């Protein structure tokens, strides 16, 4: 494995790389990760089974898309491949430091700038994953249709197969059929999204600059990114103030925030089961109540 990684990094960067030290890095629940070093350079390397190579290729493409906006820092994707047994993704290694209020404010400003990178349609030029769950991204002209079919409907179908309580499935299907009502007077534009923007997927570098990583990129409603920032915490008031100063959110956002986070709660049910069943039920009922259903 190390030899394959050494060869690819050497070829891509044009400079020889030979592993002198490898240090395991914890914190992930899907991939293994190590820091590989030689005398002069270090790379952050994710590892998984060989069949997950397309997941790493999509992640590299997503990081490249965000880097191309020149808005917020992300690790540079360097190389990826497989030795037939395991696959790997080598990224720029960034030494993280504690985030400050100033870092959070900068992240809010930079995320708003990134969201202003628009597309002609919703979706992306390849499918990717949210966690380890497939995330389909076919190009779609209308956002309600995209979110209904490729996000909420896709996760609800998986959850039904994974044992989600029948009553929650039935009410979820009613919500799906009613979904266009949440967009009767709101017309989102396609924005480049991180796609998996929870508190564990950002940090600060040694100069206090915000860094995003582990994306699930696509073009969608920017509110979907903002919604997830509130699902598990990790973003302070200065982040939200800075974002709204740069690009104010629509008045209907608080309700759609619940709708967008239901996608992630269903995904967590599909990945981990447990209490996410109850959380999904409560969110579905809250949304249906907004519609008088």
Protein backbone atom coordinates (compact mmCIF):
# COMPACT_ATOMS: atom_id res chain seq x y z
CA UNK A 1 0.00 0.00 0.00
CA UNK A 2 2.68 2.54 0.99
CA UNK A 3 4.66 1.80 -2.18
CA UNK A 4 1.62 2.45 -4.38
CA UNK A 5 0.97 5.72 -2.55
CA UNK A 6 4.62 6.73 -2.78
CA UNK A 7 4.70 6.11 -6.53
CA UNK A 8 1.52 8.10 -7.20
CA UNK A 9 2.45 11.07 -5.02
CA UNK A 10 5.91 11.16 -6.58
CA UNK A 11 4.43 11.06 -10.09
CA UNK A 12 1.77 13.70 -9.44
CA UNK A 13 3.98 16.15 -7.56
CA UNK A 14 7.11 15.64 -9.64
CA UNK A 15 9.22 15.11 -6.53
CA UNK A 16 10.26 11.80 -4.92
CA UNK A 17 8.28 10.80 -1.84
CA UNK A 18 9.33 7.94 0.42
CA UNK A 19 7.46 7.20 3.62
CA UNK A 20 9.67 7.59 6.67
CA UNK A 21 6.92 7.83 9.28
CA UNK A 22 3.22 6.93 9.46
CA UNK A 23 0.94 8.08 12.27
CA UNK A 24 -2.63 6.87 12.68
CA UNK A 25 -5.22 9.66 12.98
CA UNK A 26 -8.49 8.97 14.77
CA UNK A 27 -11.87 10.66 14.63
CA UNK A 28 -13.46 9.15 11.53
CA UNK A 29 -16.23 6.54 11.52
CA UNK A 30 -16.07 5.56 7.83
CA UNK A 31 -12.41 5.60 6.81
CA UNK A 32 -9.07 4.90 8.43
CA UNK A 33 -6.62 7.79 8.25
CA UNK A 34 -2.87 8.26 8.60
CA UNK A 35 -0.34 11.03 8.26
CA UNK A 36 2.51 9.94 5.99
CA UNK A 37 5.80 11.86 6.15
CA UNK A 38 9.19 11.87 4.55
CA UNK A 39 12.02 14.21 5.47
CA UNK A 40 10.31 17.26 3.96
CA UNK A 41 6.61 16.69 3.33
CA UNK A 42 3.49 15.30 4.97
CA UNK A 43 0.21 14.05 3.51
CA UNK A 44 -3.11 13.17 5.10
CA UNK A 45 -4.19 9.82 3.67
CA UNK A 46 -7.61 8.19 3.96
CA UNK A 47 -7.90 4.42 3.55
CA UNK A 48 -10.81 2.10 2.85
CA UNK A 49 -11.72 -1.06 0.97
CA UNK A 50 -10.94 -1.07 -2.74
CA UNK A 51 -14.60 -0.87 -3.77
CA UNK A 52 -14.83 2.62 -2.24
CA UNK A 53 -12.42 4.21 -4.72
CA UNK A 54 -15.23 6.09 -6.47
CA UNK A 55 -16.13 7.70 -3.12
CA UNK A 56 -12.59 9.03 -2.79
CA UNK A 57 -12.53 10.22 -6.41
CA UNK A 58 -15.78 12.13 -5.84
CA UNK A 59 -14.41 13.66 -2.65
CA UNK A 60 -11.30 14.82 -4.49
CA UNK A 61 -13.48 16.38 -7.19
CA UNK A 62 -15.57 18.13 -4.56
CA UNK A 63 -12.51 19.57 -2.83
CA UNK A 64 -11.19 20.74 -6.20
CA UNK A 65 -14.52 22.44 -6.95
CA UNK A 66 -14.45 24.34 -3.66
CA UNK A 67 -10.78 25.29 -4.13
CA UNK A 68 -11.63 26.68 -7.56
CA UNK A 69 -13.94 29.26 -5.96
CA UNK A 70 -10.97 30.84 -4.12
CA UNK A 71 -13.24 31.53 -1.15
CA UNK A 72 -12.60 29.15 1.76
CA UNK A 73 -9.59 26.93 2.34
CA UNK A 74 -9.87 23.17 1.83
CA UNK A 75 -7.11 20.54 1.71
CA UNK A 76 -5.69 20.18 -1.77
CA UNK A 77 -6.40 16.72 -3.21
CA UNK A 78 -3.10 15.22 -4.32
CA UNK A 79 -3.65 11.66 -5.52
CA UNK A 80 -5.91 8.66 -5.13
CA UNK A 81 -5.88 5.04 -6.23
CA UNK A 82 -6.00 1.42 -5.16
CA UNK A 83 -3.65 -1.52 -4.83
CA UNK A 84 -6.54 -3.91 -5.49
CA UNK A 85 -7.23 -4.57 -1.81
CA UNK A 86 -7.52 -1.10 -0.36
CA UNK A 87 -8.09 2.34 -1.83
CA UNK A 88 -6.68 5.62 -0.65
CA UNK A 89 -6.94 9.36 -1.01
CA UNK A 90 -3.90 11.56 -0.31
CA UNK A 91 -4.56 15.17 0.65
CA UNK A 92 -2.51 18.17 1.66
CA UNK A 93 -1.75 17.85 5.37
CA UNK A 94 -2.94 20.88 7.33
CA UNK A 95 -1.95 21.41 10.96
CA UNK A 96 -5.15 22.45 12.73
CA UNK A 97 -5.40 24.95 15.58
CA UNK A 98 -8.22 26.15 17.82
CA UNK A 99 -10.84 28.25 16.05
CA UNK A 100 -11.62 31.70 17.42
CA UNK A 101 -14.58 34.01 17.06
CA UNK A 102 -12.72 35.75 14.26
CA UNK A 103 -12.29 32.41 12.51
CA UNK A 104 -16.03 31.77 12.76
CA UNK A 105 -16.82 35.21 11.34
CA UNK A 106 -14.44 34.63 8.43
CA UNK A 107 -16.07 31.26 7.79
CA UNK A 108 -19.49 32.90 7.59
CA UNK A 109 -18.26 35.47 5.09
CA UNK A 110 -16.36 32.92 3.02
CA UNK A 111 -19.20 30.41 2.98
CA UNK A 112 -21.56 33.08 1.67
CA UNK A 113 -19.03 33.89 -1.05
CA UNK A 114 -18.71 30.20 -1.92
CA UNK A 115 -22.50 29.90 -2.16
CA UNK A 116 -22.51 32.69 -4.72
CA UNK A 117 -20.74 30.27 -7.06
CA UNK A 118 -23.79 29.31 -9.03
CA UNK A 119 -24.73 26.66 -11.54
CA UNK A 120 -27.34 26.42 -14.26
CA UNK A 121 -29.15 23.48 -12.62
CA UNK A 122 -29.33 21.54 -9.38
CA UNK A 123 -27.20 18.43 -8.92
CA UNK A 124 -23.62 17.74 -9.95
CA UNK A 125 -21.67 16.06 -12.72
CA UNK A 126 -21.20 12.89 -10.66
CA UNK A 127 -22.83 11.05 -7.80
CA UNK A 128 -21.06 11.01 -4.45
CA UNK A 129 -21.77 9.95 -0.86
CA UNK A 130 -23.14 11.49 2.32
CA UNK A 131 -21.18 9.61 4.93
CA UNK A 132 -21.08 6.21 3.26
CA UNK A 133 -24.63 6.48 1.87
CA UNK A 134 -24.92 7.00 -1.89
CA UNK A 135 -25.97 10.54 -2.83
CA UNK A 136 -27.41 10.76 -6.37
CA UNK A 137 -26.89 14.07 -8.16
CA UNK A 138 -28.63 13.97 -11.57
CA UNK A 139 -28.96 17.41 -13.14
CA UNK A 140 -32.44 18.76 -12.42
CA UNK A 141 -33.94 22.12 -13.40
CA UNK A 142 -36.29 22.51 -10.41
CA UNK A 143 -35.08 22.41 -6.81
CA UNK A 144 -38.30 21.04 -5.21
CA UNK A 145 -38.21 18.12 -7.63
CA UNK A 146 -34.51 17.48 -6.95
CA UNK A 147 -34.89 17.58 -3.18
CA UNK A 148 -38.07 15.52 -3.28
CA UNK A 149 -36.63 12.72 -5.42
CA UNK A 150 -32.85 12.72 -4.92
CA UNK A 151 -32.63 13.73 -1.28
CA UNK A 152 -35.65 13.22 0.97
CA UNK A 153 -37.35 10.53 -1.12
CA UNK A 154 -34.12 8.61 -1.60
CA UNK A 155 -33.36 8.54 2.13
CA UNK A 156 -36.95 7.70 3.07
CA UNK A 157 -36.94 4.70 0.74
CA UNK A 158 -33.69 3.48 2.30
CA UNK A 159 -35.08 4.04 5.80
CA UNK A 160 -38.20 2.03 4.97
CA UNK A 161 -35.99 -0.87 3.88
CA UNK A 162 -33.88 -0.44 7.02
CA UNK A 163 -36.83 -0.77 9.37
CA UNK A 164 -38.05 2.77 9.98
CA UNK A 165 -41.37 2.65 11.86
CA UNK A 166 -44.22 2.17 9.40
CA UNK A 167 -46.16 5.15 10.70
CA UNK A 168 -43.15 7.42 10.17
CA UNK A 169 -42.76 6.09 6.62
CA UNK A 170 -46.44 6.73 5.84
CA UNK A 171 -46.34 10.26 7.21
CA UNK A 172 -43.03 10.85 5.47
CA UNK A 173 -44.57 9.87 2.15
CA UNK A 174 -47.39 12.37 2.79
CA UNK A 175 -44.74 15.01 3.47
CA UNK A 176 -43.00 14.12 0.21
CA UNK A 177 -46.21 14.56 -1.76
CA UNK A 178 -46.76 17.93 -0.05
CA UNK A 179 -43.18 19.17 -0.39
CA UNK A 180 -43.76 21.76 -3.18
CA UNK A 181 -45.87 23.78 -0.72
CA UNK A 182 -42.69 24.79 1.13
CA UNK A 183 -41.49 26.56 -2.02
CA UNK A 184 -44.67 28.36 -3.09
CA UNK A 185 -43.07 31.79 -2.65
CA UNK A 186 -39.39 30.88 -2.51
CA UNK A 187 -37.22 30.22 -5.55
CA UNK A 188 -33.71 29.08 -4.60
CA UNK A 189 -30.88 29.41 -7.08
CA UNK A 190 -28.25 26.68 -7.57
CA UNK A 191 -25.34 27.35 -5.22
CA UNK A 192 -22.18 25.30 -4.78
CA UNK A 193 -22.67 23.51 -1.45
CA UNK A 194 -20.29 21.72 0.88
CA UNK A 195 -23.14 19.26 1.40
CA UNK A 196 -22.11 17.79 4.78
CA UNK A 197 -21.48 20.92 6.80
CA UNK A 198 -21.62 19.83 10.42
CA UNK A 199 -19.27 21.01 13.16
CA UNK A 200 -16.88 18.10 12.73
CA UNK A 201 -16.11 19.02 9.12
CA UNK A 202 -14.42 22.35 9.68
CA UNK A 203 -11.49 23.67 11.69
CA UNK A 204 -8.85 26.41 11.64
CA UNK A 205 -5.31 26.37 10.33
CA UNK A 206 -2.31 27.75 12.17
CA UNK A 207 -3.03 31.27 10.90
CA UNK A 208 -6.61 31.24 12.13
CA UNK A 209 -8.12 30.72 8.69
CA UNK A 210 -11.18 28.46 8.46
CA UNK A 211 -10.74 25.11 6.71
CA UNK A 212 -13.53 22.92 5.34
CA UNK A 213 -13.07 19.21 4.62
CA UNK A 214 -15.00 15.96 3.99
CA UNK A 215 -17.47 17.51 1.52
CA UNK A 216 -20.45 15.98 -0.27
CA UNK A 217 -20.54 18.66 -2.97
CA UNK A 218 -23.44 19.49 -5.28
CA UNK A 219 -25.36 22.53 -6.53
CA UNK A 220 -28.39 23.10 -4.33
CA UNK A 221 -30.24 25.58 -2.14
CA UNK A 222 -27.71 27.36 0.08
CA UNK A 223 -30.15 27.01 2.97
CA UNK A 224 -29.40 23.27 3.02
CA UNK A 225 -25.79 23.98 4.06
CA UNK A 226 -26.86 26.52 6.68
CA UNK A 227 -29.46 24.13 8.07
CA UNK A 228 -26.94 21.41 8.79
CA UNK A 229 -24.69 23.80 10.70
CA UNK A 230 -27.44 23.91 13.35
CA UNK A 231 -28.08 20.17 13.55
CA UNK A 232 -25.20 19.11 15.82
CA UNK A 233 -23.73 22.46 16.93
CA UNK A 234 -20.17 23.61 16.38
CA UNK A 235 -20.92 27.03 14.86
CA UNK A 236 -21.13 30.19 16.96
CA UNK A 237 -23.21 33.33 16.72
CA UNK A 238 -20.46 35.25 14.92
CA UNK A 239 -20.59 32.73 12.07
CA UNK A 240 -24.33 33.30 11.56
CA UNK A 241 -24.11 37.07 11.90
CA UNK A 242 -21.32 37.24 9.32
CA UNK A 243 -23.15 34.99 6.88
CA UNK A 244 -26.39 36.97 7.12
CA UNK A 245 -24.52 40.24 6.75
CA UNK A 246 -22.97 38.94 3.54
CA UNK A 247 -26.14 37.29 2.16
CA UNK A 248 -29.31 37.49 4.29
CA UNK A 249 -31.49 34.39 4.54
CA UNK A 250 -35.13 34.31 3.46
CA UNK A 251 -37.88 34.70 6.08
CA UNK A 252 -39.10 31.14 5.45
CA UNK A 253 -35.74 29.60 6.32
CA UNK A 254 -36.62 28.44 9.88
CA UNK A 255 -39.25 26.02 8.54
CA UNK A 256 -37.17 24.81 5.61
CA UNK A 257 -34.27 24.30 8.02
CA UNK A 258 -36.24 21.43 9.59
CA UNK A 259 -37.04 20.03 6.14
CA UNK A 260 -33.41 20.04 5.07
CA UNK A 261 -32.18 18.52 8.32
CA UNK A 262 -34.70 15.70 8.03
CA UNK A 263 -32.57 14.47 5.13
CA UNK A 264 -29.55 14.16 7.42
CA UNK A 265 -31.52 12.64 10.30
CA UNK A 266 -32.88 9.96 7.96
CA UNK A 267 -29.34 9.37 6.73
CA UNK A 268 -28.17 8.94 10.31
CA UNK A 269 -30.97 6.45 10.87
CA UNK A 270 -29.81 4.55 7.79
CA UNK A 271 -26.22 4.59 9.02
CA UNK A 272 -26.68 4.13 12.76
CA UNK A 273 -30.35 3.32 13.55
CA UNK A 274 -31.35 3.92 17.15
CA UNK A 275 -33.03 7.08 18.34
CA UNK A 276 -32.98 8.75 14.95
CA UNK A 277 -36.31 7.01 14.28
CA UNK A 278 -37.98 9.14 16.97
CA UNK A 279 -36.21 12.30 15.86
CA UNK A 280 -37.34 11.74 12.27
CA UNK A 281 -40.93 11.20 13.42
CA UNK A 282 -40.95 14.45 15.39
CA UNK A 283 -39.54 16.40 12.44
CA UNK A 284 -42.03 14.92 9.99
CA UNK A 285 -44.95 15.79 12.30
CA UNK A 286 -43.67 19.34 12.81
CA UNK A 287 -43.43 19.88 9.06
CA UNK A 288 -46.88 18.42 8.37
CA UNK A 289 -48.33 20.62 11.09
CA UNK A 290 -46.95 23.65 9.23
CA UNK A 291 -49.12 22.53 6.30
CA UNK A 292 -52.15 21.73 8.42
CA UNK A 293 -51.75 18.00 7.71
